[in-house]
């Protein structure tokens, strides 16, 4: 009887299920703050560590403009100056974070292990207007999507990418096509991978299960 209970316990260990298909919630993201041009293109709503009023300040442990659900309705010069005042000052906060002469690398962190099947990046998708251009490529965990992004003057775009990634932290790099690159929102779609119990690694579990079943069969033959 004890052996049978032991085998049952092994069967119940290390199972995993997938749930909550759809838009995934980003727990935090880490990156260098945006830069300054005609206005300040900082991530002023960021609620983690770092100085949101300093260009290229290291921002960690929080969220802000890139995951707040606010998607730019126009290009940077149409919607970015929140206060209408030129220059580098707090209060110019629009929906974009912008970087100049730098390819932003952003690490998105999730509270649980997730399986990501697609992502959408909302950008100012101009071609060389004021030194602004849509990204030449976007890479997810090193997987680069290049020569894929159409760019049209005077537009914004929702750039969608299909890929397969499982983990709790994903690095995203935007490679600029011009001096400036502007991003207003990043969204991820997929499933949460819920680990019910991981106390015993799966290979060990299978090995023990095999031994347990063999022992149970031997015990029953002996009793017969």
Protein backbone atom coordinates (compact mmCIF):
# COMPACT_ATOMS: atom_id res chain seq x y z
CA UNK A 1 0.00 0.00 0.00
CA UNK A 2 2.81 2.43 0.82
CA UNK A 3 4.44 1.74 -2.55
CA UNK A 4 1.18 2.42 -4.41
CA UNK A 5 0.77 5.78 -2.60
CA UNK A 6 4.35 6.69 -3.46
CA UNK A 7 3.77 6.00 -7.16
CA UNK A 8 0.59 8.12 -7.10
CA UNK A 9 2.49 11.01 -5.48
CA UNK A 10 5.13 10.89 -8.21
CA UNK A 11 2.48 11.03 -10.95
CA UNK A 12 1.04 14.22 -9.41
CA UNK A 13 4.38 16.11 -9.25
CA UNK A 14 5.78 18.54 -11.86
CA UNK A 15 2.65 19.07 -13.92
CA UNK A 16 2.16 22.33 -15.83
CA UNK A 17 -0.83 23.98 -17.44
CA UNK A 18 -1.29 26.95 -19.77
CA UNK A 19 -3.93 29.59 -19.07
CA UNK A 20 -5.04 33.16 -19.74
CA UNK A 21 -4.52 33.34 -23.51
CA UNK A 22 -4.45 36.88 -24.91
CA UNK A 23 -2.75 40.15 -24.01
CA UNK A 24 0.01 39.57 -21.45
CA UNK A 25 0.71 41.97 -18.57
CA UNK A 26 4.27 43.24 -18.27
CA UNK A 27 5.38 43.30 -14.63
CA UNK A 28 8.37 45.63 -15.14
CA UNK A 29 10.70 46.76 -17.91
CA UNK A 30 14.31 47.98 -17.74
CA UNK A 31 16.01 50.34 -20.20
CA UNK A 32 17.89 53.61 -20.67
CA UNK A 33 15.63 56.67 -20.55
CA UNK A 34 14.90 58.60 -23.75
CA UNK A 35 16.68 61.67 -25.06
CA UNK A 36 16.01 65.39 -25.65
CA UNK A 37 15.46 67.23 -28.94
CA UNK A 38 12.85 69.89 -29.61
CA UNK A 39 11.05 68.44 -26.57
CA UNK A 40 11.94 65.98 -23.86
CA UNK A 41 11.24 62.44 -25.01
CA UNK A 42 11.62 60.87 -21.58
CA UNK A 43 9.56 58.10 -20.00
CA UNK A 44 8.12 60.51 -17.44
CA UNK A 45 5.46 58.13 -16.10
CA UNK A 46 8.02 55.43 -15.23
CA UNK A 47 7.46 54.36 -11.61
CA UNK A 48 10.65 52.38 -10.87
CA UNK A 49 14.21 53.36 -10.01
CA UNK A 50 16.08 55.98 -12.03
CA UNK A 51 15.68 59.67 -12.86
CA UNK A 52 12.94 60.16 -15.45
CA UNK A 53 14.12 63.75 -15.99
CA UNK A 54 17.62 62.76 -17.12
CA UNK A 55 18.44 61.45 -20.59
CA UNK A 56 19.85 57.91 -20.67
CA UNK A 57 19.21 57.42 -16.97
CA UNK A 58 19.04 53.70 -16.14
CA UNK A 59 15.38 52.87 -15.45
CA UNK A 60 14.74 49.60 -13.62
CA UNK A 61 12.01 47.84 -11.68
CA UNK A 62 8.97 49.74 -12.96
CA UNK A 63 6.65 50.47 -15.86
CA UNK A 64 5.67 53.64 -17.70
CA UNK A 65 4.82 55.01 -21.14
CA UNK A 66 5.65 51.83 -23.03
CA UNK A 67 3.01 49.69 -21.28
CA UNK A 68 0.38 52.19 -20.11
CA UNK A 69 -2.11 51.38 -22.87
CA UNK A 70 -1.81 54.87 -24.42
CA UNK A 71 -1.00 54.56 -28.13
CA UNK A 72 0.16 57.60 -30.10
CA UNK A 73 -2.50 58.99 -32.42
CA UNK A 74 0.00 60.95 -34.53
CA UNK A 75 3.68 61.53 -35.22
CA UNK A 76 6.06 62.88 -32.58
CA UNK A 77 5.74 66.55 -33.63
CA UNK A 78 1.93 66.34 -33.55
CA UNK A 79 1.38 64.69 -30.16
CA UNK A 80 4.58 64.73 -28.09
CA UNK A 81 4.73 68.24 -26.51
CA UNK A 82 2.32 67.68 -23.66
CA UNK A 83 2.88 71.18 -22.26
CA UNK A 84 3.40 72.89 -25.58
CA UNK A 85 6.69 74.32 -24.32
CA UNK A 86 9.94 73.69 -26.21
CA UNK A 87 13.11 72.43 -24.61
CA UNK A 88 14.20 69.86 -22.08
CA UNK A 89 11.77 70.13 -19.22
CA UNK A 90 9.37 67.96 -17.29
CA UNK A 91 5.83 68.36 -18.54
CA UNK A 92 6.53 67.75 -22.22
CA UNK A 93 5.31 64.21 -21.68
CA UNK A 94 3.56 62.80 -24.71
CA UNK A 95 2.94 59.15 -25.61
CA UNK A 96 6.38 58.56 -27.14
CA UNK A 97 9.77 57.68 -25.73
CA UNK A 98 12.48 58.68 -28.22
CA UNK A 99 16.20 57.95 -28.55
CA UNK A 100 18.77 59.60 -30.81
CA UNK A 101 21.86 57.87 -32.27
CA UNK A 102 21.14 54.84 -30.10
CA UNK A 103 19.40 51.51 -30.64
CA UNK A 104 17.21 51.10 -27.55
CA UNK A 105 17.40 47.75 -25.78
CA UNK A 106 14.50 47.06 -23.43
CA UNK A 107 14.12 44.07 -21.12
CA UNK A 108 10.49 43.20 -20.40
CA UNK A 109 9.88 41.16 -17.24
CA UNK A 110 6.82 39.08 -16.42
CA UNK A 111 5.58 37.95 -13.01
CA UNK A 112 5.26 34.36 -14.25
CA UNK A 113 6.65 32.21 -17.02
CA UNK A 114 4.87 33.07 -20.25
CA UNK A 115 4.69 31.66 -23.76
CA UNK A 116 4.74 34.62 -26.17
CA UNK A 117 3.45 33.99 -29.69
CA UNK A 118 3.36 37.55 -31.03
CA UNK A 119 4.19 41.17 -30.22
CA UNK A 120 3.09 44.57 -31.49
CA UNK A 121 5.35 47.63 -31.35
CA UNK A 122 3.73 51.05 -31.94
CA UNK A 123 6.16 53.50 -33.54
CA UNK A 124 6.49 56.80 -35.36
CA UNK A 125 6.99 55.25 -38.78
CA UNK A 126 8.24 58.20 -40.84
CA UNK A 127 11.08 58.18 -43.33
CA UNK A 128 13.71 60.82 -42.64
CA UNK A 129 11.51 63.65 -41.41
CA UNK A 130 13.41 65.68 -38.85
CA UNK A 131 15.87 62.82 -38.57
CA UNK A 132 13.07 60.50 -37.44
CA UNK A 133 12.51 57.07 -38.99
CA UNK A 134 10.70 53.87 -38.22
CA UNK A 135 13.01 51.08 -37.05
CA UNK A 136 15.05 49.23 -39.65
CA UNK A 137 14.56 46.03 -37.65
CA UNK A 138 13.28 44.75 -34.33
CA UNK A 139 14.82 41.81 -32.46
CA UNK A 140 13.15 39.66 -29.80
CA UNK A 141 15.55 37.61 -27.67
CA UNK A 142 18.08 37.93 -30.50
CA UNK A 143 15.61 36.89 -33.22
CA UNK A 144 15.74 39.78 -35.69
CA UNK A 145 12.97 40.87 -38.04
CA UNK A 146 14.72 42.91 -40.72
CA UNK A 147 13.64 44.00 -44.20
CA UNK A 148 10.11 43.46 -42.95
CA UNK A 149 9.02 46.91 -41.88
CA UNK A 150 7.43 49.19 -44.49
CA UNK A 151 7.92 52.90 -43.73
CA UNK A 152 5.81 55.73 -45.13
CA UNK A 153 6.24 59.46 -44.65
CA UNK A 154 4.04 61.11 -42.06
CA UNK A 155 2.54 58.01 -40.46
CA UNK A 156 2.46 55.96 -37.30
CA UNK A 157 2.38 52.17 -37.39
CA UNK A 158 1.52 49.10 -35.37
CA UNK A 159 4.31 46.68 -36.27
CA UNK A 160 3.30 43.08 -35.52
CA UNK A 161 5.68 40.13 -35.26
CA UNK A 162 5.00 36.41 -34.84
CA UNK A 163 7.51 34.26 -32.94
CA UNK A 164 7.68 31.70 -30.14
CA UNK A 165 9.30 32.49 -26.80
CA UNK A 166 8.91 30.91 -23.36
CA UNK A 167 10.38 32.52 -20.24
CA UNK A 168 9.85 35.30 -17.73
CA UNK A 169 12.18 37.95 -19.22
CA UNK A 170 12.44 39.03 -22.87
CA UNK A 171 14.98 41.42 -24.40
CA UNK A 172 13.78 43.63 -27.27
CA UNK A 173 16.11 45.75 -29.44
CA UNK A 174 14.99 48.38 -31.95
CA UNK A 175 17.59 49.10 -34.62
CA UNK A 176 17.09 52.65 -35.92
CA UNK A 177 16.98 53.57 -39.59
CA UNK A 178 17.76 57.24 -38.96
CA UNK A 179 18.96 59.44 -36.10
CA UNK A 180 15.77 59.15 -34.02
CA UNK A 181 13.49 56.24 -33.19
CA UNK A 182 10.19 56.77 -31.31
CA UNK A 183 8.08 54.13 -29.53
CA UNK A 184 4.73 54.70 -27.82
CA UNK A 185 3.66 51.19 -26.75
CA UNK A 186 4.79 47.54 -26.78
CA UNK A 187 2.30 44.69 -26.38
CA UNK A 188 2.81 40.94 -26.05
CA UNK A 189 0.31 38.17 -26.72
CA UNK A 190 0.31 34.55 -25.62
CA UNK A 191 -0.28 32.44 -22.53
CA UNK A 192 0.77 32.24 -18.90
CA UNK A 193 2.49 28.95 -18.11
CA UNK A 194 1.30 27.96 -14.66
CA UNK A 195 3.62 25.61 -12.77
CA UNK A 196 1.54 23.57 -10.34
CA UNK A 197 4.44 21.83 -8.62
CA UNK A 198 8.12 21.73 -9.57
CA UNK A 199 9.65 20.12 -6.50
CA UNK A 200 10.85 17.09 -8.48
CA UNK A 201 12.47 17.66 -11.92
CA UNK A 202 10.60 15.96 -14.75
CA UNK A 203 13.43 13.53 -15.79
CA UNK A 204 13.84 12.41 -12.17
CA UNK A 205 10.10 12.04 -11.83
CA UNK A 206 9.88 9.75 -14.85
CA UNK A 207 12.76 7.63 -13.64
CA UNK A 208 11.24 7.22 -10.19
CA UNK A 209 7.86 6.47 -11.72
CA UNK A 210 9.38 3.66 -13.76
CA UNK A 211 11.10 2.19 -10.71
CA UNK A 212 7.93 2.51 -8.66
CA UNK A 213 5.78 0.73 -11.24
CA UNK A 214 8.36 -2.01 -11.60
CA UNK A 215 8.46 -2.47 -7.84
CA UNK A 216 4.69 -2.53 -7.62
CA UNK A 217 4.52 -5.26 -10.30
CA UNK A 218 7.20 -7.29 -8.51
CA UNK A 219 5.31 -7.01 -5.20
CA UNK A 220 2.06 -8.21 -6.75
CA UNK A 221 3.77 -11.17 -8.45
CA UNK A 222 5.35 -12.14 -5.14
CA UNK A 223 1.99 -12.00 -3.37
CA UNK A 224 0.44 -14.21 -6.08
